[in-house]
Amino acid sequence: MPDQFKDRLRNARESRGFTQADLAKKSGLQAAAISHFETGQRSPSFDNLRKLSDALNVSVDYLLGRIDEEQH
């Protein structure tokens, strides 16, 4: 997973005023998983990446660093 992912995930979460627990609840994931993704300890599965994208209302391509606009 590109290093940009963890930074973009954290920035998108923080810019929306979400805590890791908020994002976990909104995405249906565990707060520990969000923490692992943001620190780069783990990479999300495609399904979890889609859940994060939907919860943050950004595109998967944005989270992966393939585009620079947050469009969904």
PDB file of N, CA and C in Angstrom:
ATOM      1  N   MET A   1       0.860  -1.175   0.000  1.00  0.00           N
ATOM      2  CA  MET A   1       0.000   0.000   0.000  1.00  0.00           C
ATOM      3  C   MET A   1       0.903   1.236   0.000  1.00  0.00           C
ATOM      4  N   PRO A   2       0.632   2.179  -0.872  1.00  0.00           N
ATOM      5  CA  PRO A   2       1.465   3.387  -0.926  1.00  0.00           C
ATOM      6  C   PRO A   2       1.431   4.163   0.396  1.00  0.00           C
ATOM      7  N   ASP A   3       2.554   4.818   0.711  1.00  0.00           N
ATOM      8  CA  ASP A   3       2.616   5.626   1.931  1.00  0.00           C
ATOM      9  C   ASP A   3       1.576   6.733   1.911  1.00  0.00           C
ATOM     10  N   GLN A   4       1.229   7.207   0.722  1.00  0.00           N
ATOM     11  CA  GLN A   4       0.221   8.257   0.619  1.00  0.00           C
ATOM     12  C   GLN A   4      -1.097   7.818   1.231  1.00  0.00           C
ATOM     13  N   PHE A   5      -1.394   6.530   1.181  1.00  0.00           N
ATOM     14  CA  PHE A   5      -2.674   6.046   1.685  1.00  0.00           C
ATOM     15  C   PHE A   5      -2.877   6.412   3.149  1.00  0.00           C
ATOM     16  N   LYS A   6      -1.903   6.091   3.985  1.00  0.00           N
ATOM     17  CA  LYS A   6      -2.080   6.346   5.420  1.00  0.00           C
ATOM     18  C   LYS A   6      -2.236   7.835   5.700  1.00  0.00           C
ATOM     19  N   ASP A   7      -1.491   8.671   4.978  1.00  0.00           N
ATOM     20  CA  ASP A   7      -1.593  10.111   5.171  1.00  0.00           C
ATOM     21  C   ASP A   7      -2.940  10.646   4.687  1.00  0.00           C
ATOM     22  N   ARG A   8      -3.373  10.178   3.539  1.00  0.00           N
ATOM     23  CA  ARG A   8      -4.648  10.644   2.998  1.00  0.00           C
ATOM     24  C   ARG A   8      -5.815  10.153   3.838  1.00  0.00           C
ATOM     25  N   LEU A   9      -5.726   8.953   4.341  1.00  0.00           N
ATOM     26  CA  LEU A   9      -6.778   8.437   5.203  1.00  0.00           C
ATOM     27  C   LEU A   9      -6.897   9.301   6.453  1.00  0.00           C
ATOM     28  N   ARG A  10      -5.780   9.564   7.101  1.00  0.00           N
ATOM     29  CA  ARG A  10      -5.788  10.380   8.320  1.00  0.00           C
ATOM     30  C   ARG A  10      -6.280  11.799   8.018  1.00  0.00           C
ATOM     31  N   ASN A  11      -5.776  12.401   6.953  1.00  0.00           N
ATOM     32  CA  ASN A  11      -6.173  13.770   6.621  1.00  0.00           C
ATOM     33  C   ASN A  11      -7.658  13.863   6.289  1.00  0.00           C
ATOM     34  N   ALA A  12      -8.174  12.901   5.525  1.00  0.00           N
ATOM     35  CA  ALA A  12      -9.599  12.907   5.178  1.00  0.00           C
ATOM     36  C   ALA A  12     -10.439  12.737   6.438  1.00  0.00           C
ATOM     37  N   ARG A  13     -10.014  11.867   7.324  1.00  0.00           N
ATOM     38  CA  ARG A  13     -10.749  11.645   8.571  1.00  0.00           C
ATOM     39  C   ARG A  13     -10.744  12.911   9.427  1.00  0.00           C
ATOM     40  N   GLU A  14      -9.570  13.491   9.615  1.00  0.00           N
ATOM     41  CA  GLU A  14      -9.449  14.665  10.472  1.00  0.00           C
ATOM     42  C   GLU A  14     -10.164  15.880   9.884  1.00  0.00           C
ATOM     43  N   SER A  15     -10.130  16.038   8.564  1.00  0.00           N
ATOM     44  CA  SER A  15     -10.779  17.194   7.942  1.00  0.00           C
ATOM     45  C   SER A  15     -12.296  17.136   8.091  1.00  0.00           C
ATOM     46  N   ARG A  16     -12.821  15.950   8.356  1.00  0.00           N
ATOM     47  CA  ARG A  16     -14.255  15.791   8.569  1.00  0.00           C
ATOM     48  C   ARG A  16     -14.618  15.823  10.049  1.00  0.00           C
ATOM     49  N   GLY A  17     -13.598  15.983  10.889  1.00  0.00           N
ATOM     50  CA  GLY A  17     -13.829  16.055  12.324  1.00  0.00           C
ATOM     51  C   GLY A  17     -14.126  14.716  12.963  1.00  0.00           C
ATOM     52  N   PHE A  18     -13.740  13.620  12.282  1.00  0.00           N
ATOM     53  CA  PHE A  18     -13.983  12.272  12.804  1.00  0.00           C
ATOM     54  C   PHE A  18     -12.807  11.822  13.660  1.00  0.00           C
ATOM     55  N   THR A  19     -13.109  11.151  14.756  1.00  0.00           N
ATOM     56  CA  THR A  19     -12.079  10.413  15.478  1.00  0.00           C
ATOM     57  C   THR A  19     -11.932   9.060  14.781  1.00  0.00           C
ATOM     58  N   GLN A  20     -10.940   8.298  15.189  1.00  0.00           N
ATOM     59  CA  GLN A  20     -10.808   6.952  14.630  1.00  0.00           C
ATOM     60  C   GLN A  20     -12.042   6.120  14.978  1.00  0.00           C
ATOM     61  N   ALA A  21     -12.569   6.319  16.180  1.00  0.00           N
ATOM     62  CA  ALA A  21     -13.774   5.589  16.597  1.00  0.00           C
ATOM     63  C   ALA A  21     -14.977   5.996  15.742  1.00  0.00           C
ATOM     64  N   ASP A  22     -15.089   7.285  15.414  1.00  0.00           N
ATOM     65  CA  ASP A  22     -16.182   7.754  14.549  1.00  0.00           C
ATOM     66  C   ASP A  22     -16.113   7.085  13.182  1.00  0.00           C
ATOM     67  N   LEU A  23     -14.912   7.074  12.607  1.00  0.00           N
ATOM     68  CA  LEU A  23     -14.744   6.474  11.284  1.00  0.00           C
ATOM     69  C   LEU A  23     -15.009   4.972  11.339  1.00  0.00           C
ATOM     70  N   ALA A  24     -14.569   4.346  12.405  1.00  0.00           N
ATOM     71  CA  ALA A  24     -14.809   2.911  12.558  1.00  0.00           C
ATOM     72  C   ALA A  24     -16.307   2.624  12.561  1.00  0.00           C
ATOM     73  N   LYS A  25     -17.042   3.390  13.334  1.00  0.00           N
ATOM     74  CA  LYS A  25     -18.492   3.183  13.419  1.00  0.00           C
ATOM     75  C   LYS A  25     -19.158   3.442  12.072  1.00  0.00           C
ATOM     76  N   LYS A  26     -18.769   4.518  11.416  1.00  0.00           N
ATOM     77  CA  LYS A  26     -19.365   4.899  10.133  1.00  0.00           C
ATOM     78  C   LYS A  26     -19.053   3.883   9.033  1.00  0.00           C
ATOM     79  N   SER A  27     -17.869   3.269   9.098  1.00  0.00           N
ATOM     80  CA  SER A  27     -17.447   2.326   8.059  1.00  0.00           C
ATOM     81  C   SER A  27     -17.754   0.870   8.407  1.00  0.00           C
ATOM     82  N   GLY A  28     -18.102   0.605   9.669  1.00  0.00           N
ATOM     83  CA  GLY A  28     -18.358  -0.767  10.081  1.00  0.00           C
ATOM     84  C   GLY A  28     -17.098  -1.556  10.386  1.00  0.00           C
ATOM     85  N   LEU A  29     -15.992  -0.849  10.577  1.00  0.00           N
ATOM     86  CA  LEU A  29     -14.717  -1.492  10.901  1.00  0.00           C
ATOM     87  C   LEU A  29     -14.395  -1.274  12.373  1.00  0.00           C
ATOM     88  N   GLN A  30     -13.363  -1.924  12.853  1.00  0.00           N
ATOM     89  CA  GLN A  30     -12.905  -1.750  14.228  1.00  0.00           C
ATOM     90  C   GLN A  30     -11.986  -0.529  14.312  1.00  0.00           C
ATOM     91  N   ALA A  31     -12.040   0.192  15.430  1.00  0.00           N
ATOM     92  CA  ALA A  31     -11.166   1.351  15.627  1.00  0.00           C
ATOM     93  C   ALA A  31      -9.696   0.941  15.547  1.00  0.00           C
ATOM     94  N   ALA A  32      -9.369  -0.242  16.035  1.00  0.00           N
ATOM     95  CA  ALA A  32      -7.984  -0.725  15.963  1.00  0.00           C
ATOM     96  C   ALA A  32      -7.537  -0.882  14.515  1.00  0.00           C
ATOM     97  N   ALA A  33      -8.446  -1.284  13.644  1.00  0.00           N
ATOM     98  CA  ALA A  33      -8.105  -1.429  12.221  1.00  0.00           C
ATOM     99  C   ALA A  33      -7.792  -0.063  11.619  1.00  0.00           C
ATOM    100  N   ILE A  34      -8.587   0.946  11.969  1.00  0.00           N
ATOM    101  CA  ILE A  34      -8.329   2.298  11.462  1.00  0.00           C
ATOM    102  C   ILE A  34      -6.946   2.757  11.915  1.00  0.00           C
ATOM    103  N   SER A  35      -6.626   2.519  13.164  1.00  0.00           N
ATOM    104  CA  SER A  35      -5.316   2.879  13.691  1.00  0.00           C
ATOM    105  C   SER A  35      -4.199   2.172  12.930  1.00  0.00           C
ATOM    106  N   HIS A  36      -4.362   0.885  12.677  1.00  0.00           N
ATOM    107  CA  HIS A  36      -3.345   0.125  11.937  1.00  0.00           C
ATOM    108  C   HIS A  36      -3.179   0.649  10.515  1.00  0.00           C
ATOM    109  N   PHE A  37      -4.275   1.030   9.881  1.00  0.00           N
ATOM    110  CA  PHE A  37      -4.186   1.567   8.518  1.00  0.00           C
ATOM    111  C   PHE A  37      -3.452   2.907   8.521  1.00  0.00           C
ATOM    112  N   GLU A  38      -3.747   3.745   9.509  1.00  0.00           N
ATOM    113  CA  GLU A  38      -3.141   5.079   9.562  1.00  0.00           C
ATOM    114  C   GLU A  38      -1.669   5.050   9.944  1.00  0.00           C
ATOM    115  N   THR A  39      -1.245   4.022  10.634  1.00  0.00           N
ATOM    116  CA  THR A  39       0.175   3.909  10.990  1.00  0.00           C
ATOM    117  C   THR A  39       0.956   3.090   9.974  1.00  0.00           C
ATOM    118  N   GLY A  40       0.252   2.488   9.029  1.00  0.00           N
ATOM    119  CA  GLY A  40       0.917   1.678   8.016  1.00  0.00           C
ATOM    120  C   GLY A  40       1.243   0.276   8.468  1.00  0.00           C
ATOM    121  N   GLN A  41       0.746  -0.135   9.637  1.00  0.00           N
ATOM    122  CA  GLN A  41       1.013  -1.483  10.133  1.00  0.00           C
ATOM    123  C   GLN A  41       0.277  -2.539   9.315  1.00  0.00           C
ATOM    124  N   ARG A  42      -0.871  -2.144   8.785  1.00  0.00           N
ATOM    125  CA  ARG A  42      -1.670  -3.068   7.975  1.00  0.00           C
ATOM    126  C   ARG A  42      -2.240  -2.324   6.787  1.00  0.00           C
ATOM    127  N   SER A  43      -2.572  -3.070   5.759  1.00  0.00           N
ATOM    128  CA  SER A  43      -3.245  -2.522   4.582  1.00  0.00           C
ATOM    129  C   SER A  43      -4.665  -3.069   4.540  1.00  0.00           C
ATOM    130  N   PRO A  44      -5.620  -2.239   4.144  1.00  0.00           N
ATOM    131  CA  PRO A  44      -7.000  -2.717   4.092  1.00  0.00           C
ATOM    132  C   PRO A  44      -7.232  -3.638   2.900  1.00  0.00           C
ATOM    133  N   SER A  45      -8.174  -4.537   3.062  1.00  0.00           N
ATOM    134  CA  SER A  45      -8.617  -5.344   1.927  1.00  0.00           C
ATOM    135  C   SER A  45      -9.359  -4.418   0.967  1.00  0.00           C
ATOM    136  N   PHE A  46      -9.637  -4.892  -0.237  1.00  0.00           N
ATOM    137  CA  PHE A  46     -10.381  -4.064  -1.181  1.00  0.00           C
ATOM    138  C   PHE A  46     -11.743  -3.701  -0.610  1.00  0.00           C
ATOM    139  N   ASP A  47     -12.408  -4.642   0.025  1.00  0.00           N
ATOM    140  CA  ASP A  47     -13.724  -4.388   0.599  1.00  0.00           C
ATOM    141  C   ASP A  47     -13.644  -3.310   1.685  1.00  0.00           C
ATOM    142  N   ASN A  48     -12.637  -3.392   2.542  1.00  0.00           N
ATOM    143  CA  ASN A  48     -12.476  -2.393   3.593  1.00  0.00           C
ATOM    144  C   ASN A  48     -12.077  -1.032   3.028  1.00  0.00           C
ATOM    145  N   LEU A  49     -11.291  -1.038   1.968  1.00  0.00           N
ATOM    146  CA  LEU A  49     -10.926   0.206   1.298  1.00  0.00           C
ATOM    147  C   LEU A  49     -12.183   0.888   0.760  1.00  0.00           C
ATOM    148  N   ARG A  50     -13.080   0.118   0.192  1.00  0.00           N
ATOM    149  CA  ARG A  50     -14.342   0.653  -0.312  1.00  0.00           C
ATOM    150  C   ARG A  50     -15.195   1.209   0.836  1.00  0.00           C
ATOM    151  N   LYS A  51     -15.223   0.520   1.959  1.00  0.00           N
ATOM    152  CA  LYS A  51     -15.981   0.998   3.122  1.00  0.00           C
ATOM    153  C   LYS A  51     -15.419   2.330   3.633  1.00  0.00           C
ATOM    154  N   LEU A  52     -14.104   2.432   3.677  1.00  0.00           N
ATOM    155  CA  LEU A  52     -13.473   3.682   4.105  1.00  0.00           C
ATOM    156  C   LEU A  52     -13.789   4.809   3.135  1.00  0.00           C
ATOM    157  N   SER A  53     -13.700   4.517   1.866  1.00  0.00           N
ATOM    158  CA  SER A  53     -14.004   5.493   0.827  1.00  0.00           C
ATOM    159  C   SER A  53     -15.435   6.003   0.958  1.00  0.00           C
ATOM    160  N   ASP A  54     -16.368   5.090   1.134  1.00  0.00           N
ATOM    161  CA  ASP A  54     -17.774   5.472   1.280  1.00  0.00           C
ATOM    162  C   ASP A  54     -18.007   6.284   2.554  1.00  0.00           C
ATOM    163  N   ALA A  55     -17.412   5.878   3.646  1.00  0.00           N
ATOM    164  CA  ALA A  55     -17.606   6.564   4.924  1.00  0.00           C
ATOM    165  C   ALA A  55     -17.050   7.980   4.887  1.00  0.00           C
ATOM    166  N   LEU A  56     -15.960   8.173   4.148  1.00  0.00           N
ATOM    167  CA  LEU A  56     -15.326   9.490   4.056  1.00  0.00           C
ATOM    168  C   LEU A  56     -15.818  10.294   2.852  1.00  0.00           C
ATOM    169  N   ASN A  57     -16.601   9.658   2.003  1.00  0.00           N
ATOM    170  CA  ASN A  57     -17.110  10.277   0.790  1.00  0.00           C
ATOM    171  C   ASN A  57     -15.981  10.793  -0.109  1.00  0.00           C
ATOM    172  N   VAL A  58     -14.979   9.951  -0.293  1.00  0.00           N
ATOM    173  CA  VAL A  58     -13.877  10.223  -1.217  1.00  0.00           C
ATOM    174  C   VAL A  58     -13.718   9.001  -2.113  1.00  0.00           C
ATOM    175  N   SER A  59     -13.028   9.167  -3.215  1.00  0.00           N
ATOM    176  CA  SER A  59     -12.824   8.034  -4.108  1.00  0.00           C
ATOM    177  C   SER A  59     -11.692   7.144  -3.598  1.00  0.00           C
ATOM    178  N   VAL A  60     -11.764   5.890  -3.971  1.00  0.00           N
ATOM    179  CA  VAL A  60     -10.682   4.948  -3.659  1.00  0.00           C
ATOM    180  C   VAL A  60      -9.393   5.444  -4.307  1.00  0.00           C
ATOM    181  N   ASP A  61      -9.499   5.956  -5.532  1.00  0.00           N
ATOM    182  CA  ASP A  61      -8.310   6.470  -6.224  1.00  0.00           C
ATOM    183  C   ASP A  61      -7.647   7.599  -5.444  1.00  0.00           C
ATOM    184  N   TYR A  62      -8.445   8.445  -4.808  1.00  0.00           N
ATOM    185  CA  TYR A  62      -7.878   9.515  -3.990  1.00  0.00           C
ATOM    186  C   TYR A  62      -7.102   8.919  -2.811  1.00  0.00           C
ATOM    187  N   LEU A  63      -7.724   7.981  -2.104  1.00  0.00           N
ATOM    188  CA  LEU A  63      -7.049   7.380  -0.949  1.00  0.00           C
ATOM    189  C   LEU A  63      -5.746   6.692  -1.347  1.00  0.00           C
ATOM    190  N   LEU A  64      -5.726   6.115  -2.538  1.00  0.00           N
ATOM    191  CA  LEU A  64      -4.531   5.406  -2.996  1.00  0.00           C
ATOM    192  C   LEU A  64      -3.486   6.326  -3.617  1.00  0.00           C
ATOM    193  N   GLY A  65      -3.822   7.618  -3.758  1.00  0.00           N
ATOM    194  CA  GLY A  65      -2.858   8.556  -4.320  1.00  0.00           C
ATOM    195  C   GLY A  65      -2.823   8.570  -5.828  1.00  0.00           C
ATOM    196  N   ARG A  66      -3.823   7.987  -6.467  1.00  0.00           N
ATOM    197  CA  ARG A  66      -3.857   7.948  -7.934  1.00  0.00           C
ATOM    198  C   ARG A  66      -4.394   9.239  -8.536  1.00  0.00           C
ATOM    199  N   ILE A  67      -5.216   9.970  -7.758  1.00  0.00           N
ATOM    200  CA  ILE A  67      -5.695  11.284  -8.159  1.00  0.00           C
ATOM    201  C   ILE A  67      -5.569  12.217  -6.965  1.00  0.00           C
ATOM    202  N   ASP A  68      -5.583  13.516  -7.213  1.00  0.00           N
ATOM    203  CA  ASP A  68      -5.406  14.471  -6.131  1.00  0.00           C
ATOM    204  C   ASP A  68      -6.693  15.123  -5.655  1.00  0.00           C
ATOM    205  N   GLU A  69      -7.802  14.880  -6.365  1.00  0.00           N
ATOM    206  CA  GLU A  69      -9.082  15.459  -5.965  1.00  0.00           C
ATOM    207  C   GLU A  69      -9.858  14.456  -5.141  1.00  0.00           C
ATOM    208  N   GLU A  70     -10.537  14.939  -4.108  1.00  0.00           N
ATOM    209  CA  GLU A  70     -11.265  14.065  -3.200  1.00  0.00           C
ATOM    210  C   GLU A  70     -12.606  13.561  -3.748  1.00  0.00           C
ATOM    211  N   GLN A  71     -12.924  13.861  -4.988  1.00  0.00           N
ATOM    212  CA  GLN A  71     -14.241  13.507  -5.526  1.00  0.00           C
ATOM    213  C   GLN A  71     -14.594  12.057  -5.270  1.00  0.00           C
ATOM    214  N   HIS A  72     -15.875  11.816  -5.116  1.00  0.00           N
ATOM    215  CA  HIS A  72     -16.365  10.454  -4.835  1.00  0.00           C
ATOM    216  C   HIS A  72     -17.059   9.883  -6.046  1.00  0.00           C
TER     217      HIS A  72
END
